[in-house]
């Protein structure tokens, strides 16, 4: 399984940045995402930034990874801040949220759900 880690850009270098993640500062290649700015969030896998993240999405992924870590260590608590902050699964989403996730309009999703099969 491949897991990207959200990291926050701290310092700009030529073709790279120093980004802060759970293990501290790391040198991250930015060839796939282009120029970055300090404070920006990127998703890092194998030393390379793979995509830019909004601060909200970075927080969701960080919470989810903390939840996985706690679960593997036998410390899972459904009332923990990580469990509460992790993003909603599609099965828990309404039609409008699913449409937004898929990039469709809510009108299309409600039309699709009104047809009888």
Protein backbone atom coordinates (compact mmCIF):
# COMPACT_ATOMS: atom_id res chain seq x y z
CA UNK A 1 0.00 0.00 0.00
CA UNK A 2 1.24 3.49 -0.83
CA UNK A 3 0.51 6.26 1.64
CA UNK A 4 1.23 9.92 0.98
CA UNK A 5 2.02 12.14 3.95
CA UNK A 6 0.80 15.75 4.15
CA UNK A 7 3.74 18.08 4.76
CA UNK A 8 3.88 21.85 5.09
CA UNK A 9 6.42 23.79 3.05
CA UNK A 10 8.83 25.74 5.27
CA UNK A 11 11.83 26.70 3.10
CA UNK A 12 12.30 26.99 -0.67
CA UNK A 13 15.31 25.39 -2.36
CA UNK A 14 16.07 25.03 -6.06
CA UNK A 15 13.78 22.23 -7.31
CA UNK A 16 13.04 21.21 -3.74
CA UNK A 17 11.60 22.48 -0.49
CA UNK A 18 12.18 21.75 3.15
CA UNK A 19 8.79 20.57 4.35
CA UNK A 20 7.66 19.69 7.85
CA UNK A 21 5.84 16.46 8.53
CA UNK A 22 5.40 14.04 11.41
CA UNK A 23 9.10 13.13 11.39
CA UNK A 24 10.33 16.74 11.26
CA UNK A 25 11.88 18.60 8.32
CA UNK A 26 12.58 16.73 5.10
CA UNK A 27 13.96 17.73 1.71
CA UNK A 28 11.14 17.18 -0.81
CA UNK A 29 11.41 17.19 -4.61
CA UNK A 30 8.82 19.52 -6.19
CA UNK A 31 9.22 18.57 -9.87
CA UNK A 32 5.67 17.17 -10.06
CA UNK A 33 3.93 20.15 -8.43
CA UNK A 34 6.07 23.09 -9.54
CA UNK A 35 6.94 26.14 -7.49
CA UNK A 36 5.65 26.18 -3.93
CA UNK A 37 5.30 28.88 -1.30
CA UNK A 38 6.07 28.65 2.41
CA UNK A 39 3.02 27.56 4.38
CA UNK A 40 1.54 25.56 1.49
CA UNK A 41 0.63 21.89 2.04
CA UNK A 42 1.79 19.10 -0.28
CA UNK A 43 1.18 15.35 -0.28
CA UNK A 44 4.58 13.60 -0.18
CA UNK A 45 5.41 10.04 -1.19
CA UNK A 46 8.95 8.67 -1.48
CA UNK A 47 10.52 12.12 -1.13
CA UNK A 48 8.46 13.80 -3.86
CA UNK A 49 5.50 16.13 -3.59
CA UNK A 50 2.72 14.44 -5.60
CA UNK A 51 -0.02 17.06 -5.26
CA UNK A 52 -0.96 20.28 -3.51
CA UNK A 53 -3.44 20.09 -0.63
CA UNK A 54 -5.75 22.65 0.89
CA UNK A 55 -5.13 23.16 4.62
CA UNK A 56 -8.50 21.47 5.26
CA UNK A 57 -7.62 18.40 3.17
CA UNK A 58 -4.19 18.19 4.81
CA UNK A 59 -5.86 18.20 8.24
CA UNK A 60 -8.28 15.45 7.14
CA UNK A 61 -5.48 13.22 5.87
CA UNK A 62 -3.32 13.88 8.94
CA UNK A 63 -6.27 12.99 11.21
CA UNK A 64 -6.96 9.84 9.24
CA UNK A 65 -3.31 8.75 9.41
CA UNK A 66 -3.27 9.39 13.18
CA UNK A 67 -6.44 7.32 13.46
CA UNK A 68 -4.84 4.43 11.54
CA UNK A 69 -1.71 4.66 13.72
CA UNK A 70 -3.81 4.62 16.91
CA UNK A 71 -5.84 1.67 15.64
CA UNK A 72 -2.73 -0.35 14.78
CA UNK A 73 -1.30 0.41 18.23
CA UNK A 74 -4.53 -0.69 19.94
CA UNK A 75 -5.41 2.86 21.04
CA UNK A 76 -8.48 3.45 18.85
CA UNK A 77 -11.09 5.68 20.50
CA UNK A 78 -14.10 6.64 18.34
CA UNK A 79 -14.51 9.81 20.43
CA UNK A 80 -10.89 10.94 19.88
CA UNK A 81 -10.21 14.20 18.02
CA UNK A 82 -8.65 12.19 15.17
CA UNK A 83 -11.76 10.03 14.79
CA UNK A 84 -14.00 13.09 14.85
CA UNK A 85 -11.84 15.04 12.36
CA UNK A 86 -11.35 12.23 9.83
CA UNK A 87 -13.30 12.76 6.64
CA UNK A 88 -16.72 11.19 6.11
CA UNK A 89 -16.88 7.97 4.15
CA UNK A 90 -19.02 8.08 1.00
CA UNK A 91 -21.52 5.71 2.65
CA UNK A 92 -22.21 8.44 5.26
CA UNK A 93 -22.65 11.24 2.71
CA UNK A 94 -25.86 12.75 1.35
CA UNK A 95 -26.63 13.23 -2.35
CA UNK A 96 -25.19 16.77 -2.47
CA UNK A 97 -21.94 15.72 -0.78
CA UNK A 98 -21.56 12.74 -3.12
CA UNK A 99 -22.23 14.94 -6.14
CA UNK A 100 -19.58 17.41 -4.97
CA UNK A 101 -17.13 14.56 -4.39
CA UNK A 102 -17.74 13.28 -7.92
CA UNK A 103 -17.74 16.74 -9.49
CA UNK A 104 -21.40 16.49 -10.55
CA UNK A 105 -24.19 18.88 -9.73
CA UNK A 106 -26.62 18.06 -6.93
CA UNK A 107 -29.45 18.32 -9.47
CA UNK A 108 -27.96 15.45 -11.48
CA UNK A 109 -27.54 13.30 -8.39
CA UNK A 110 -31.14 13.85 -7.27
CA UNK A 111 -32.40 13.08 -10.79
CA UNK A 112 -30.41 9.86 -10.82
CA UNK A 113 -31.77 8.76 -7.45
CA UNK A 114 -35.39 9.46 -8.41
CA UNK A 115 -35.43 6.93 -11.24
CA UNK A 116 -36.90 3.57 -10.33
CA UNK A 117 -34.87 0.51 -11.24
